């Protein structure tokens, strides 16, 4: 039976911009931390710690697989949490100090690090990461209930995430990248007192993250409501396990997102090699930095597009832009920095929409599921979507590097044949573009339009009022 306490617990009045800014704040330090994990940490563990490329590949594959497995479990626990301050805040508050401690040992490990110790540390780290990230993302699906308002909340969160990427890339760009040497000498003419090693870079990133995260989570927990049903229904765990089967709109989103993300992350896994080897451009971090500047500036544009034309159309448009950018990158002649800048700026526009819209779409599918089952499992839905992201990350790295080895490309060599370079372009741009396009085609059949969601929302409101009257 559908209960009022399970339906009407989202925040019905649109939140002011200040509260949404507070909600988006934790995304900044979280992304500051995530950036080195994706770009620098594998190389650091393989080279400076001497663990070797093969061992590090296995390490991060296992770590991401473990991380993906913990997502649904913590999401379901978060859905079932009872406290005076809500369902999501206790996890974020508890996870903040734990993640800071774990991140220090991962980013600044002891020189005598061994593979078993690394597996243990990174495994623990990802548990604490999930403790914050899954409840935090699920919280965004509940602080607003309207179709447009949810996209706006997601926009503030993902805008914060892009800002975090800018900080995470800006730190190494300023500290160690040759492109920024004139600015570095102007700001610190006597030097920073740091060597240009990855260990020093990781320490600076850790200090930045450890300073910002407690401030951001405190700000968020004080100013953003975390409303909760007065009584949570006791529903079996097997109901959570059937989300992908029973929720057809979420099933469509999951499939389209999985395929598109597989292509996007396959590109990211080799983007440094593409820029430095295929395009013969050294300004790798500079190009990524520019792309993310456009991404953060484009957030309001995508909010308006989603409001005007619908989330499905906006998400598909962002995927089309990304795929065109990948195709264009394969056509750039070596050494043409201006063309590379234009393509990465173009991709920044698409990546902004790709970041904002999936979680907002997922929140709408939660309403559909709530209408069918009488239970709101936002945490479990968002956990499954996040699990897809992590699974594609692990698959894309493994498949892309195996494919690169088949082409004969040798990343350790400065002299690769034209055939191997062309093979890398196919693996790193053309195949990812086709995967992103395939995800777009799948998402085009997503059934929950703006009009249909409004119908679902009105039904939920009527059922909630009826249940309250009968209580």
Protein backbone atom coordinates (compact mmCIF):
# COMPACT_ATOMS: atom_id res chain seq x y z
CA UNK A 1 0.00 0.00 0.00
CA UNK A 2 1.27 3.48 -0.89
CA UNK A 3 2.05 5.52 2.20
CA UNK A 4 2.05 9.29 2.50
CA UNK A 5 5.25 9.16 4.47
CA UNK A 6 6.98 7.48 1.53
CA UNK A 7 5.66 9.83 -1.16
CA UNK A 8 5.63 13.36 0.05
CA UNK A 9 9.06 13.69 1.59
CA UNK A 10 10.78 15.70 -1.12
CA UNK A 11 11.11 19.44 -0.65
CA UNK A 12 8.03 20.85 -2.42
CA UNK A 13 9.00 24.56 -2.52
CA UNK A 14 11.82 25.52 -4.93
CA UNK A 15 15.00 26.02 -2.95
CA UNK A 16 16.68 29.44 -3.13
CA UNK A 17 19.96 29.75 -4.99
CA UNK A 18 21.86 30.06 -1.71
CA UNK A 19 20.67 26.63 -0.55
CA UNK A 20 21.46 25.10 -3.93
CA UNK A 21 24.91 26.68 -3.80
CA UNK A 22 25.37 25.06 -0.40
CA UNK A 23 24.26 21.72 -1.84
CA UNK A 24 26.75 21.98 -4.71
CA UNK A 25 29.67 22.96 -2.44
CA UNK A 26 30.90 19.43 -1.50
CA UNK A 27 31.23 18.54 -5.19
CA UNK A 28 34.20 20.91 -5.45
CA UNK A 29 36.58 19.16 -3.00
CA UNK A 30 35.32 15.71 -4.01
CA UNK A 31 36.31 16.40 -7.61
CA UNK A 32 39.61 17.97 -6.52
CA UNK A 33 40.38 14.60 -4.97
CA UNK A 34 39.08 12.53 -7.88
CA UNK A 35 41.20 14.30 -10.52
CA UNK A 36 44.61 12.96 -9.41
CA UNK A 37 43.11 9.51 -8.88
CA UNK A 38 42.17 9.42 -12.57
CA UNK A 39 45.16 11.20 -14.12
CA UNK A 40 48.27 10.96 -11.95
CA UNK A 41 47.95 8.24 -9.31
CA UNK A 42 48.35 5.14 -11.54
CA UNK A 43 51.59 6.52 -13.03
CA UNK A 44 52.83 7.49 -9.58
CA UNK A 45 52.24 4.01 -8.16
CA UNK A 46 53.82 2.33 -11.19
CA UNK A 47 56.94 4.49 -11.39
CA UNK A 48 57.85 6.28 -8.15
CA UNK A 49 56.60 3.44 -5.92
CA UNK A 50 57.97 0.79 -8.29
CA UNK A 51 54.89 -1.42 -8.37
CA UNK A 52 55.03 -1.85 -12.15
CA UNK A 53 52.51 -1.19 -14.90
CA UNK A 54 50.86 -4.62 -14.88
CA UNK A 55 50.44 -4.69 -11.10
CA UNK A 56 49.02 -1.17 -11.03
CA UNK A 57 46.59 -2.06 -13.83
CA UNK A 58 45.31 -5.02 -11.81
CA UNK A 59 45.25 -2.89 -8.64
CA UNK A 60 42.98 -0.21 -10.07
CA UNK A 61 40.80 -2.70 -11.92
CA UNK A 62 40.13 -4.55 -8.65
CA UNK A 63 39.69 -1.28 -6.77
CA UNK A 64 37.08 0.04 -9.17
CA UNK A 65 35.28 -3.32 -9.24
CA UNK A 66 35.14 -3.32 -5.43
CA UNK A 67 34.00 0.31 -5.47
CA UNK A 68 31.18 -0.55 -7.89
CA UNK A 69 30.02 -3.45 -5.72
CA UNK A 70 29.75 -1.29 -2.60
CA UNK A 71 27.57 1.35 -4.29
CA UNK A 72 24.19 -0.49 -4.25
CA UNK A 73 24.78 -1.73 -0.69
CA UNK A 74 25.53 1.74 0.73
CA UNK A 75 22.74 3.26 -1.37
CA UNK A 76 20.22 0.79 0.07
CA UNK A 77 21.51 1.36 3.63
CA UNK A 78 21.21 5.11 3.12
CA UNK A 79 17.59 4.67 1.97
CA UNK A 80 16.87 2.78 5.20
CA UNK A 81 18.66 5.18 7.58
CA UNK A 82 16.70 6.87 10.37
CA UNK A 83 17.99 9.92 12.21
CA UNK A 84 16.85 13.29 13.48
CA UNK A 85 18.86 15.07 10.78
CA UNK A 86 17.66 12.96 7.85
CA UNK A 87 18.74 9.97 5.81
CA UNK A 88 21.71 11.39 3.90
CA UNK A 89 23.45 13.81 6.26
CA UNK A 90 24.63 11.19 8.80
CA UNK A 91 26.57 9.37 6.08
CA UNK A 92 28.17 12.56 4.79
CA UNK A 93 29.12 13.75 8.28
CA UNK A 94 30.60 10.38 9.28
CA UNK A 95 32.37 9.88 5.98
CA UNK A 96 34.12 13.27 5.87
CA UNK A 97 36.91 12.65 8.45
CA UNK A 98 37.29 9.03 7.36
CA UNK A 99 37.78 9.99 3.72
CA UNK A 100 40.31 12.69 4.62
CA UNK A 101 42.41 10.20 6.60
CA UNK A 102 42.23 7.54 3.91
CA UNK A 103 43.04 10.01 1.12
CA UNK A 104 46.30 11.00 2.85
CA UNK A 105 47.56 7.41 2.88
CA UNK A 106 46.52 6.92 -0.76
CA UNK A 107 47.88 10.21 -2.13
CA UNK A 108 51.04 10.40 0.01
CA UNK A 109 51.92 6.75 0.66
CA UNK A 110 55.06 5.51 2.36
CA UNK A 111 57.98 4.74 0.00
CA UNK A 112 57.92 1.06 1.03
CA UNK A 113 54.40 0.56 -0.34
CA UNK A 114 53.69 -3.01 -1.44
CA UNK A 115 50.95 -4.28 -3.73
CA UNK A 116 48.91 -5.99 -0.94
CA UNK A 117 49.09 -2.83 1.17
CA UNK A 118 48.02 -0.71 -1.80
CA UNK A 119 45.05 -3.00 -2.47
CA UNK A 120 43.95 -2.69 1.17
CA UNK A 121 44.41 1.09 1.34
CA UNK A 122 42.62 1.87 -1.90
CA UNK A 123 39.83 -0.60 -1.07
CA UNK A 124 39.22 1.15 2.27
CA UNK A 125 39.50 4.54 0.59
CA UNK A 126 36.72 3.71 -1.89
CA UNK A 127 34.39 2.54 0.90
CA UNK A 128 34.75 5.93 2.60
CA UNK A 129 34.37 7.70 -0.74
CA UNK A 130 31.09 5.86 -1.39
CA UNK A 131 29.88 6.68 2.13
CA UNK A 132 29.83 10.33 1.09
CA UNK A 133 29.21 10.31 -2.63
CA UNK A 134 26.16 8.02 -2.94
CA UNK A 135 24.12 9.67 -0.14
CA UNK A 136 25.22 13.08 -1.44
CA UNK A 137 24.01 12.35 -4.97
CA UNK A 138 20.79 10.73 -3.66
CA UNK A 139 20.15 13.81 -1.53
CA UNK A 140 19.98 15.86 -4.74
CA UNK A 141 17.12 13.69 -6.00
CA UNK A 142 15.09 14.53 -2.88
CA UNK A 143 15.68 18.20 -2.10
CA UNK A 144 13.53 19.15 -5.13
CA UNK A 145 10.55 17.30 -6.59
CA UNK A 146 9.76 19.31 -9.72
CA UNK A 147 10.99 18.39 -13.20
CA UNK A 148 12.86 21.68 -13.80
CA UNK A 149 13.94 22.15 -10.18
CA UNK A 150 15.77 18.82 -10.12
CA UNK A 151 17.79 19.77 -13.17
CA UNK A 152 18.67 23.05 -11.47
CA UNK A 153 19.87 21.21 -8.35
CA UNK A 154 21.93 18.84 -10.51
CA UNK A 155 23.33 21.87 -12.32
CA UNK A 156 24.62 23.37 -9.08
CA UNK A 157 26.17 20.04 -8.06
CA UNK A 158 27.82 19.33 -11.40
CA UNK A 159 28.89 22.96 -11.74
CA UNK A 160 30.71 22.47 -8.44
CA UNK A 161 32.21 19.26 -9.80
CA UNK A 162 33.54 21.02 -12.91
CA UNK A 163 34.97 23.77 -10.69
CA UNK A 164 36.68 21.02 -8.70
CA UNK A 165 38.16 19.64 -11.93
CA UNK A 166 39.51 23.11 -12.73
CA UNK A 167 41.17 23.28 -9.30
CA UNK A 168 42.43 19.68 -9.58
CA UNK A 169 43.95 20.36 -13.00
CA UNK A 170 44.96 23.95 -12.20
CA UNK A 171 47.22 22.83 -9.35
CA UNK A 172 49.49 20.62 -11.50
CA UNK A 173 49.20 23.08 -14.40
CA UNK A 174 50.55 25.85 -12.17
CA UNK A 175 53.08 23.76 -10.24
CA UNK A 176 54.70 21.45 -12.78
CA UNK A 177 53.45 22.06 -16.34
CA UNK A 178 55.97 23.81 -18.65
CA UNK A 179 53.17 25.93 -20.20
CA UNK A 180 52.74 27.78 -16.87
CA UNK A 181 56.43 28.38 -16.18
CA UNK A 182 56.29 32.17 -16.89
CA UNK A 183 53.35 32.59 -14.50
CA UNK A 184 55.04 30.35 -11.93
CA UNK A 185 58.21 32.43 -12.00
CA UNK A 186 56.18 35.63 -11.71
CA UNK A 187 54.19 34.45 -8.68
CA UNK A 188 57.01 32.57 -6.92
CA UNK A 189 60.32 33.98 -8.22
CA UNK A 190 62.29 32.11 -5.53
CA UNK A 191 60.48 28.79 -6.07
CA UNK A 192 57.87 26.95 -4.05
CA UNK A 193 60.19 24.83 -1.97
CA UNK A 194 58.67 21.80 -3.69
CA UNK A 195 60.24 19.56 -6.28
CA UNK A 196 58.29 18.86 -9.45
CA UNK A 197 57.49 15.30 -8.41
CA UNK A 198 54.12 13.62 -8.28
CA UNK A 199 54.56 13.13 -4.52
CA UNK A 200 54.82 16.89 -3.95
CA UNK A 201 51.88 17.46 -6.28
CA UNK A 202 49.75 14.90 -4.41
CA UNK A 203 50.56 16.53 -1.09
CA UNK A 204 49.39 19.94 -2.31
CA UNK A 205 46.19 18.39 -3.67
CA UNK A 206 45.62 16.57 -0.36
CA UNK A 207 45.99 19.78 1.66
CA UNK A 208 43.56 21.55 -0.67
CA UNK A 209 41.02 18.72 -0.41
CA UNK A 210 41.37 18.27 3.36
CA UNK A 211 40.81 22.01 3.88
CA UNK A 212 37.82 22.38 1.58
CA UNK A 213 35.82 19.20 2.35
CA UNK A 214 34.93 19.88 6.03
CA UNK A 215 33.98 23.47 5.17
CA UNK A 216 31.83 22.41 2.24
CA UNK A 217 30.02 19.55 4.00
CA UNK A 218 29.34 21.72 7.07
CA UNK A 219 27.95 24.48 4.87
CA UNK A 220 25.78 21.96 3.02
CA UNK A 221 24.47 20.16 6.12
CA UNK A 222 23.50 23.43 7.81
CA UNK A 223 21.71 25.16 4.95
CA UNK A 224 20.17 22.32 2.90
CA UNK A 225 17.13 20.38 4.16
CA UNK A 226 17.30 16.59 4.39
CA UNK A 227 13.66 15.74 4.94
CA UNK A 228 12.72 12.18 5.76
CA UNK A 229 9.52 10.17 6.13
CA UNK A 230 8.32 10.06 9.72
CA UNK A 231 8.03 6.31 9.32
CA UNK A 232 10.06 4.33 6.81
CA UNK A 233 8.40 1.28 5.35
CA UNK A 234 10.04 -2.04 6.05
CA UNK A 235 10.65 -3.33 2.55
CA UNK A 236 12.71 -6.38 1.66
CA UNK A 237 16.20 -6.20 0.17
CA UNK A 238 15.03 -8.29 -2.78
CA UNK A 239 12.84 -5.34 -3.83
CA UNK A 240 15.98 -3.21 -4.16
CA UNK A 241 17.61 -5.93 -6.25
CA UNK A 242 14.81 -5.79 -8.86
CA UNK A 243 15.06 -2.08 -9.73
CA UNK A 244 16.60 -2.71 -13.14
CA UNK A 245 13.89 -5.22 -13.97
CA UNK A 246 10.79 -3.39 -12.79
CA UNK A 247 11.70 0.24 -13.60
CA UNK A 248 11.64 0.40 -17.41
CA UNK A 249 12.55 4.12 -17.75
CA UNK A 250 15.53 3.65 -15.44
CA UNK A 251 16.47 0.53 -17.41
CA UNK A 252 16.63 2.62 -20.58
CA UNK A 253 18.67 5.34 -18.84
CA UNK A 254 21.06 2.77 -17.37
CA UNK A 255 21.70 1.15 -20.78
CA UNK A 256 22.17 4.43 -22.66
CA UNK A 257 24.35 5.93 -19.95
CA UNK A 258 26.48 2.77 -19.71
CA UNK A 259 27.25 2.67 -23.45
CA UNK A 260 27.85 6.42 -23.78
CA UNK A 261 30.03 6.53 -20.67
CA UNK A 262 32.03 3.57 -21.95
CA UNK A 263 32.92 5.59 -25.04
CA UNK A 264 33.64 8.80 -23.12
CA UNK A 265 35.92 7.07 -20.60
CA UNK A 266 37.69 5.09 -23.34
CA UNK A 267 38.64 8.46 -24.83
CA UNK A 268 39.73 9.84 -21.46
CA UNK A 269 41.92 6.81 -20.75
CA UNK A 270 44.14 7.62 -23.75
CA UNK A 271 43.62 11.39 -24.12
CA UNK A 272 47.11 12.22 -22.86
CA UNK A 273 48.69 9.85 -25.39
CA UNK A 274 46.44 11.22 -28.14
CA UNK A 275 47.46 14.79 -27.47
CA UNK A 276 51.16 14.27 -26.88
CA UNK A 277 51.90 11.46 -29.35
CA UNK A 278 49.29 11.58 -32.13
CA UNK A 279 48.80 15.36 -32.20
CA UNK A 280 52.37 16.11 -31.03
CA UNK A 281 51.13 18.82 -28.65
CA UNK A 282 52.66 19.10 -25.19
CA UNK A 283 49.97 21.32 -23.66
CA UNK A 284 47.88 18.39 -22.40
CA UNK A 285 46.75 19.92 -19.10
CA UNK A 286 46.15 23.27 -20.76
CA UNK A 287 43.66 21.76 -23.22
CA UNK A 288 41.81 19.86 -20.47
CA UNK A 289 41.72 23.04 -18.38
CA UNK A 290 40.16 25.02 -21.25
CA UNK A 291 37.60 22.27 -21.85
CA UNK A 292 36.42 22.44 -18.26
CA UNK A 293 36.21 26.23 -18.27
CA UNK A 294 33.71 25.94 -21.12
CA UNK A 295 31.91 23.14 -19.26
CA UNK A 296 31.28 25.27 -16.19
CA UNK A 297 30.23 28.29 -18.26
CA UNK A 298 27.80 26.10 -20.23
CA UNK A 299 25.87 24.86 -17.19
CA UNK A 300 23.16 27.59 -17.39
CA UNK A 301 22.80 26.92 -21.12
CA UNK A 302 22.02 23.23 -20.56
CA UNK A 303 19.56 24.07 -17.78
CA UNK A 304 17.63 26.27 -20.21
CA UNK A 305 17.78 23.67 -23.00
CA UNK A 306 16.50 20.93 -20.66
CA UNK A 307 13.70 23.21 -19.43
CA UNK A 308 12.69 24.26 -22.94
CA UNK A 309 13.00 20.99 -24.87
CA UNK A 310 13.19 18.26 -22.18
CA UNK A 311 15.95 16.37 -20.42
CA UNK A 312 16.05 13.49 -22.90
CA UNK A 313 16.55 15.83 -25.85
CA UNK A 314 19.17 17.86 -24.00
CA UNK A 315 21.13 14.77 -22.94
CA UNK A 316 21.06 13.36 -26.47
CA UNK A 317 22.24 16.72 -27.84
CA UNK A 318 25.20 16.71 -25.44
CA UNK A 319 26.15 13.19 -26.55
CA UNK A 320 25.93 14.23 -30.21
CA UNK A 321 28.28 17.17 -29.57
CA UNK A 322 30.79 14.90 -27.82
CA UNK A 323 30.76 12.33 -30.61
CA UNK A 324 31.28 15.05 -33.26
CA UNK A 325 34.21 16.36 -31.21
CA UNK A 326 35.79 12.90 -31.09
CA UNK A 327 35.44 12.50 -34.86
CA UNK A 328 36.95 15.98 -35.40
CA UNK A 329 39.91 15.17 -33.16
CA UNK A 330 40.87 12.27 -35.42
CA UNK A 331 41.15 14.68 -38.37
CA UNK A 332 43.51 17.23 -36.77
CA UNK A 333 46.99 17.33 -38.26
CA UNK A 334 49.95 16.99 -35.84
CA UNK A 335 51.09 20.21 -34.22
CA UNK A 336 47.91 22.23 -34.92
CA UNK A 337 47.34 23.63 -31.44
CA UNK A 338 44.65 26.09 -32.55
CA UNK A 339 42.52 23.31 -34.04
CA UNK A 340 42.98 21.20 -30.91
CA UNK A 341 41.88 24.14 -28.75
CA UNK A 342 38.74 24.58 -30.88
CA UNK A 343 37.81 20.88 -30.58
CA UNK A 344 38.36 20.77 -26.81
CA UNK A 345 36.31 23.93 -26.33
CA UNK A 346 33.55 22.31 -28.39
CA UNK A 347 33.79 19.12 -26.32
CA UNK A 348 33.56 21.19 -23.15
CA UNK A 349 30.09 22.30 -24.25
CA UNK A 350 28.96 18.69 -24.67
CA UNK A 351 30.59 17.35 -21.52
CA UNK A 352 28.72 19.93 -19.43
CA UNK A 353 25.33 18.53 -20.46
CA UNK A 354 26.58 14.95 -20.07
CA UNK A 355 27.54 15.68 -16.47
CA UNK A 356 24.37 17.47 -15.40
CA UNK A 357 21.52 15.51 -16.91
CA UNK A 358 21.81 11.75 -16.10
CA UNK A 359 21.36 12.13 -12.33
CA UNK A 360 18.43 14.51 -12.85
CA UNK A 361 16.81 12.04 -15.26
CA UNK A 362 17.40 9.23 -12.75
CA UNK A 363 15.58 11.24 -10.07
CA UNK A 364 12.51 11.37 -12.34
CA UNK A 365 12.61 7.59 -12.76
CA UNK A 366 12.54 7.31 -8.95
CA UNK A 367 9.13 9.02 -8.99
CA UNK A 368 7.91 6.47 -11.55
CA UNK A 369 9.18 3.65 -9.34
CA UNK A 370 7.61 5.19 -6.24
CA UNK A 371 4.24 5.30 -7.96
CA UNK A 372 4.56 1.59 -8.83
CA UNK A 373 5.96 0.26 -5.54
CA UNK A 374 5.02 2.75 -2.83
CA UNK A 375 8.66 3.05 -1.72
CA UNK A 376 11.11 5.80 -2.62
CA UNK A 377 14.56 4.29 -3.22
CA UNK A 378 16.52 7.24 -4.54
CA UNK A 379 19.75 6.01 -2.96
CA UNK A 380 19.55 2.63 -4.66
CA UNK A 381 18.75 4.12 -8.07
CA UNK A 382 21.60 6.63 -7.94
CA UNK A 383 23.93 3.94 -6.62
CA UNK A 384 23.18 1.74 -9.63
CA UNK A 385 23.85 4.63 -12.00
CA UNK A 386 27.11 5.36 -10.23
CA UNK A 387 28.00 1.67 -10.37
CA UNK A 388 27.59 1.84 -14.16
CA UNK A 389 30.03 4.74 -14.25
CA UNK A 390 32.63 2.82 -12.25
CA UNK A 391 32.16 -0.38 -14.22
CA UNK A 392 32.68 1.46 -17.51
CA UNK A 393 35.80 3.09 -16.07
CA UNK A 394 37.33 -0.30 -15.33
CA UNK A 395 36.22 -1.84 -18.64
CA UNK A 396 37.35 1.12 -20.75
CA UNK A 397 40.89 1.17 -19.36
CA UNK A 398 41.38 -2.56 -19.80
CA UNK A 399 39.82 -2.80 -23.27
CA UNK A 400 41.48 0.35 -24.59
CA UNK A 401 44.99 -0.58 -23.51
CA UNK A 402 44.62 -4.12 -24.83
CA UNK A 403 43.44 -2.68 -28.15
CA UNK A 404 46.39 -0.26 -28.18
CA UNK A 405 48.81 -3.13 -27.69
CA UNK A 406 47.23 -4.95 -30.65
CA UNK A 407 47.84 -1.91 -32.87
CA UNK A 408 51.54 -2.11 -32.01
CA UNK A 409 51.63 1.27 -30.27
CA UNK A 410 54.36 1.48 -27.60
CA UNK A 411 53.84 4.27 -25.03
CA UNK A 412 57.44 3.89 -23.83
CA UNK A 413 58.82 4.63 -27.28
CA UNK A 414 59.14 8.06 -28.85
CA UNK A 415 59.16 6.49 -32.33
CA UNK A 416 55.93 4.77 -33.33
CA UNK A 417 54.92 3.92 -36.89
CA UNK A 418 52.21 5.85 -38.69
CA UNK A 419 50.12 2.67 -38.70
CA UNK A 420 50.29 2.38 -34.90
CA UNK A 421 49.42 6.08 -34.51
CA UNK A 422 46.42 5.60 -36.80
CA UNK A 423 45.45 2.57 -34.75
CA UNK A 424 45.54 4.70 -31.60
CA UNK A 425 43.34 7.31 -33.29
CA UNK A 426 40.80 4.61 -34.14
CA UNK A 427 40.86 3.18 -30.60
CA UNK A 428 40.87 6.58 -28.87
CA UNK A 429 38.52 8.66 -31.02
CA UNK A 430 36.49 6.78 -33.64
CA UNK A 431 35.39 3.82 -31.49
CA UNK A 432 34.52 6.11 -28.53
CA UNK A 433 32.54 8.37 -30.90
CA UNK A 434 30.51 5.40 -32.16
CA UNK A 435 29.86 4.21 -28.59
CA UNK A 436 28.67 7.67 -27.53
CA UNK A 437 26.38 7.81 -30.58
CA UNK A 438 25.01 4.36 -29.69
CA UNK A 439 24.22 5.59 -26.18
CA UNK A 440 22.42 8.56 -27.71
CA UNK A 441 20.28 6.26 -29.89
CA UNK A 442 19.33 4.16 -26.86
CA UNK A 443 18.44 7.27 -24.83
CA UNK A 444 16.25 8.64 -27.62
CA UNK A 445 13.69 5.99 -26.69
CA UNK A 446 13.55 7.13 -23.03
CA UNK A 447 9.81 7.39 -22.27
CA UNK A 448 9.48 9.94 -19.42
CA UNK A 449 8.91 13.30 -21.08
CA UNK A 450 8.32 16.50 -19.14
CA UNK A 451 4.56 16.09 -19.60
CA UNK A 452 4.53 12.46 -18.45
CA UNK A 453 6.60 13.29 -15.39
CA UNK A 454 4.15 16.05 -14.44
CA UNK A 455 1.34 13.48 -14.61
CA UNK A 456 3.28 11.10 -12.33
CA UNK A 457 4.07 13.93 -9.93
CA UNK A 458 0.41 14.98 -9.70
CA UNK A 459 -0.64 11.38 -9.04
CA UNK A 460 1.90 11.08 -6.25
CA UNK A 461 0.63 14.30 -4.69
CA UNK A 462 -3.00 13.10 -4.85
CA UNK A 463 -2.12 9.73 -3.35
CA UNK A 464 -0.18 11.43 -0.58
CA UNK A 465 -3.12 13.67 0.28
CA UNK A 466 -5.50 10.68 0.21
CA UNK A 467 -3.22 8.65 2.46
CA UNK A 468 -2.92 11.56 4.91
CA UNK A 469 -6.70 11.92 5.03
CA UNK A 470 -7.09 8.21 5.79
CA UNK A 471 -4.33 8.15 8.39
